[in-house]
Structure formats: C-alpha cells, structure tokens
Amino acid sequence: MLDELVATVLSQHTSDRNSERAFALLKERFPAWEDVLAAPPEAVADAIRVGGIADQKAVRIQRILAIVAEREGRLDLSRLHELDDGALEAYLTSLPGVGLKTAACVLTFSMGRAAFPVDTHVHRVAVRLGWVRASATAAQAHELLRDLVPADIRYDLHLALIEHGRRVCAARRPACEVCVICRRCAYGRSRLQ
C-alpha cells in the first residue's frame, strides 16, 4: 500500500510514463522506504527528477514517510486494511499532498475498494457529459461522482473514462466525430453542429 501511495504522489502533474520511471529510479536508488526517509532530500529529488517537480515531491514523500513511521511505529500501512473506506480516506488525506484523488487511487488499486478516482481525464469527460458542472473543482467532482457511480462499476468506469479521455475526448482536440457516446453528450453535439 505504501508503494501505491508513493507512486500516486509521483504521478501528480506528470505523465504515466514519467511517473513510472521516477518510481522505478527511486526504488533502484533506495530499495527500502527507510532508505528514502533517511536520505538527504536532494538525493531523493535527484532520483525522481524525471517525474517533474522533484524537489517538492521529494520533501512531500519524506514527510509522508515520517508521519507514517510516527503513527504506525514502522513504515507499513497494512493496519489500514482494517479501516472502513471513510476512515481510510480520512487517514490518507491527512497526509501532506494527499488529496481525494490520491486516496481514491490507493483505495482502488492497492486495496481493491470501490472508490472512484477522479483524475483530469475523468473530470473532463464527466463535465462534457454533464455529470458535473463545468465550474466544479476536482474535489467537488470527486464527491459528486462517488455518489453518482454505483460501487460495482466504479473500477471499470474509471478505467474506461481515462481511456476515452486520452484517445477520443482529448482536452484540446476531442474527436467528437468518432465518439460512440457523442449523441448523449451536449458538448459533442454542439461541436458537430
């Protein structure tokens, strides 16, 4: 679970490719989380530089590790499996730099829970489909979609919306003319008129 948490922090404000490379380089340079915690922040930043905003992320990761070590008595989050989703989300979002999306990613991908991470692609597609207001913040979209999307389809819908947002419903040049859900999308219909 700690791996997923750090990997998700590294994914903030960068591409999947760069965040995956940053995580691999971090683990190569510092095989144990204790090594990351004990290292100078500059050394951690150098290891994750490929992932972007490395100086900020290095400090954030070390602060997260220090808080986990203090709370849990070791660098291990396995106790969190006992918590319900609300308590787990509260624990995770109390950590520096961990918002609702990062917490939902940990719940979904590390714990198999029915959370619904709202990343930039999910947010964009949900706005264009009219599921959330265009003015909704990421946190507001997270709250709205968590209540809107049935638990049994959250994982699959999350992955489908990301894929759709990357391949069809892109930010700058959405391909509304080939979109299979365009007739249900006011944004897409308006672009094609």
Protein backbone atom coordinates (compact mmCIF):
# COMPACT_ATOMS: atom_id res chain seq x y z
CA MET A 1 0.00 0.00 0.00
CA LEU A 2 2.88 2.37 0.73
CA ASP A 3 4.25 1.66 -2.75
CA GLU A 4 0.93 2.68 -4.30
CA LEU A 5 0.75 5.83 -2.18
CA VAL A 6 4.25 6.99 -3.17
CA ALA A 7 3.69 6.01 -6.82
CA THR A 8 0.48 8.06 -6.88
CA VAL A 9 2.23 11.07 -5.35
CA LEU A 10 4.85 10.74 -8.08
CA SER A 11 2.09 10.65 -10.72
CA GLN A 12 0.83 14.10 -9.76
CA HIS A 13 1.31 16.67 -12.54
CA THR A 14 3.17 14.38 -14.91
CA SER A 15 2.61 11.62 -17.44
CA ASP A 16 2.21 7.96 -16.53
CA ARG A 17 5.45 7.18 -18.31
CA ASN A 18 7.46 9.75 -16.36
CA SER A 19 5.93 8.83 -13.01
CA GLU A 20 6.58 5.12 -13.59
CA ARG A 21 10.21 5.89 -14.48
CA ALA A 22 10.56 8.09 -11.39
CA PHE A 23 9.19 5.34 -9.14
CA ALA A 24 11.50 2.72 -10.67
CA LEU A 25 14.52 5.01 -10.26
CA LEU A 26 13.55 5.80 -6.66
CA LYS A 27 13.28 2.09 -5.77
CA GLU A 28 16.53 1.32 -7.59
CA ARG A 29 18.42 4.02 -5.70
CA PHE A 30 16.65 3.43 -2.35
CA PRO A 31 15.44 -0.20 -2.09
CA ALA A 32 13.70 0.31 1.29
CA TRP A 33 11.38 3.12 2.41
CA GLU A 34 13.63 3.56 5.43
CA ASP A 35 16.42 4.46 2.97
CA VAL A 36 14.23 7.14 1.36
CA LEU A 37 13.34 8.57 4.76
CA ALA A 38 16.98 8.72 5.89
CA ALA A 39 18.34 10.20 2.66
CA PRO A 40 19.01 13.89 2.09
CA PRO A 41 16.03 15.45 0.28
CA GLU A 42 18.32 16.43 -2.60
CA ALA A 43 19.28 12.79 -3.18
CA VAL A 44 15.62 11.75 -3.26
CA ALA A 45 14.85 14.62 -5.64
CA ASP A 46 17.71 13.57 -7.92
CA ALA A 47 16.33 10.03 -8.05
CA ILE A 48 12.85 11.17 -9.09
CA ARG A 49 13.83 14.16 -11.26
CA VAL A 50 12.38 12.55 -14.41
CA GLY A 51 8.90 12.75 -12.85
CA GLY A 52 8.83 16.54 -12.62
CA ILE A 53 8.65 18.93 -9.65
CA ALA A 54 11.13 16.64 -7.95
CA ASP A 55 12.20 18.97 -5.16
CA GLN A 56 8.62 19.41 -3.97
CA LYS A 57 7.73 15.72 -4.36
CA ALA A 58 10.87 14.56 -2.54
CA VAL A 59 10.04 16.65 0.51
CA ARG A 60 6.40 15.55 0.36
CA ILE A 61 7.32 11.85 0.14
CA GLN A 62 9.74 12.13 3.05
CA ARG A 63 7.12 13.95 5.15
CA ILE A 64 4.56 11.23 4.35
CA LEU A 65 7.05 8.52 5.33
CA ALA A 66 7.94 10.32 8.58
CA ILE A 67 4.27 10.66 9.54
CA VAL A 68 3.54 7.02 8.71
CA ALA A 69 6.56 5.90 10.76
CA GLU A 70 5.40 8.03 13.68
CA ARG A 71 1.77 6.90 13.54
CA GLU A 72 2.36 3.23 12.79
CA GLY A 73 5.68 2.68 14.56
CA ARG A 74 7.14 1.48 11.27
CA LEU A 75 6.92 2.17 7.55
CA ASP A 76 3.95 -0.07 6.92
CA LEU A 77 0.31 0.71 6.23
CA SER A 78 -1.06 -2.83 6.45
CA ARG A 79 -3.09 -1.91 9.54
CA LEU A 80 -5.22 0.32 7.34
CA HIS A 81 -6.85 -2.73 5.75
CA GLU A 82 -8.94 -2.94 8.94
CA LEU A 83 -10.44 0.54 8.39
CA ASP A 84 -13.65 1.26 6.53
CA ASP A 85 -13.44 3.40 3.39
CA GLY A 86 -14.31 6.66 5.15
CA ALA A 87 -11.72 6.20 7.89
CA LEU A 88 -9.12 5.09 5.36
CA GLU A 89 -9.79 8.12 3.16
CA ALA A 90 -9.54 10.40 6.20
CA TYR A 91 -6.21 8.84 7.22
CA LEU A 92 -4.73 9.16 3.75
CA THR A 93 -5.95 12.71 3.10
CA SER A 94 -4.44 13.79 6.43
CA LEU A 95 -1.02 13.13 4.90
CA PRO A 96 0.74 16.05 3.18
CA GLY A 97 -0.03 16.34 -0.52
CA VAL A 98 -2.57 13.51 -0.46
CA GLY A 99 -5.92 14.63 -1.78
CA LEU A 100 -9.09 12.77 -2.62
CA LYS A 101 -7.80 11.52 -5.98
CA THR A 102 -4.61 10.09 -4.49
CA ALA A 103 -6.54 8.49 -1.64
CA ALA A 104 -9.06 7.01 -4.08
CA CYS A 105 -6.22 5.59 -6.20
CA VAL A 106 -4.76 3.84 -3.15
CA LEU A 107 -8.17 2.51 -2.14
CA THR A 108 -8.92 1.27 -5.66
CA PHE A 109 -5.62 -0.04 -6.93
CA SER A 110 -3.90 -1.18 -3.75
CA MET A 111 -6.85 -2.31 -1.67
CA GLY A 112 -9.49 -3.34 -4.20
CA ARG A 113 -12.04 -0.97 -2.66
CA ALA A 114 -14.88 0.59 -4.64
CA ALA A 115 -13.51 4.13 -4.68
CA PHE A 116 -13.73 6.31 -7.79
CA PRO A 117 -10.55 8.28 -8.55
CA VAL A 118 -11.25 11.48 -10.47
CA ASP A 119 -8.20 12.44 -12.48
CA THR A 120 -8.03 15.09 -15.17
CA HIS A 121 -9.43 12.78 -17.87
CA VAL A 122 -12.33 11.55 -15.76
CA HIS A 123 -13.12 15.12 -14.71
CA ARG A 124 -13.06 16.43 -18.29
CA VAL A 125 -15.28 13.66 -19.67
CA ALA A 126 -17.72 13.95 -16.75
CA VAL A 127 -18.04 17.70 -17.32
CA ARG A 128 -18.58 17.27 -21.06
CA LEU A 129 -21.22 14.62 -20.43
CA GLY A 130 -22.96 16.95 -18.00
CA TRP A 131 -22.44 14.71 -14.96
CA VAL A 132 -20.77 17.57 -13.09
CA ARG A 133 -20.81 21.35 -13.57
CA ALA A 134 -18.00 22.86 -15.61
CA SER A 135 -17.14 25.03 -12.61
CA ALA A 136 -16.84 22.03 -10.26
CA THR A 137 -13.45 21.62 -8.63
CA ALA A 138 -11.73 18.25 -8.67
CA ALA A 139 -12.80 17.71 -5.04
CA GLN A 140 -16.43 18.58 -5.85
CA ALA A 141 -16.36 16.29 -8.89
CA HIS A 142 -14.96 13.51 -6.71
CA GLU A 143 -17.78 13.90 -4.18
CA LEU A 144 -20.49 14.08 -6.86
CA LEU A 145 -19.24 11.15 -8.90
CA ARG A 146 -18.64 8.96 -5.85
CA ASP A 147 -22.32 9.29 -5.05
CA LEU A 148 -23.46 9.04 -8.68
CA VAL A 149 -21.50 5.99 -9.86
CA PRO A 150 -22.67 2.63 -8.49
CA ALA A 151 -19.96 0.87 -6.49
CA ASP A 152 -19.95 -2.26 -8.65
CA ILE A 153 -18.92 -0.36 -11.81
CA ARG A 154 -16.56 2.27 -10.37
CA TYR A 155 -13.32 0.49 -11.23
CA ASP A 156 -14.31 -0.35 -14.80
CA LEU A 157 -15.88 3.05 -15.42
CA HIS A 158 -12.81 4.82 -14.07
CA LEU A 159 -10.54 2.94 -16.48
CA ALA A 160 -12.97 3.41 -19.39
CA LEU A 161 -13.25 7.16 -18.82
CA ILE A 162 -9.47 7.54 -18.65
CA GLU A 163 -9.05 5.63 -21.89
CA HIS A 164 -11.86 7.60 -23.54
CA GLY A 165 -10.37 10.88 -22.30
CA ARG A 166 -6.96 10.00 -23.70
CA ARG A 167 -7.99 8.56 -27.06
CA VAL A 168 -11.23 10.33 -28.01
CA CYS A 169 -12.30 13.09 -25.62
CA ALA A 170 -8.94 14.84 -25.51
CA ALA A 171 -8.60 18.24 -23.89
CA ARG A 172 -7.52 20.19 -26.97
CA ARG A 173 -8.85 18.25 -29.92
CA PRO A 174 -11.71 15.98 -28.96
CA ALA A 175 -12.65 13.56 -31.73
CA CYS A 176 -16.40 14.05 -31.34
CA GLU A 177 -16.99 12.84 -34.91
CA VAL A 178 -15.91 9.30 -33.94
CA CYS A 179 -17.15 9.31 -30.35
CA VAL A 180 -19.54 6.45 -29.62
CA ILE A 181 -21.34 8.43 -26.92
CA CYS A 182 -21.48 11.76 -28.76
CA ARG A 183 -25.27 11.67 -29.15
CA ARG A 184 -25.55 11.62 -25.34
CA CYS A 185 -23.06 14.45 -24.93
CA ALA A 186 -24.25 18.06 -25.25
CA TYR A 187 -20.65 19.23 -25.63
CA GLY A 188 -20.00 16.84 -28.53
CA ARG A 189 -23.32 17.58 -30.25
CA SER A 190 -22.61 21.31 -30.08
CA ARG A 191 -19.18 20.82 -31.65
CA LEU A 192 -20.62 18.83 -34.54
CA GLN A 193 -23.37 21.34 -35.40
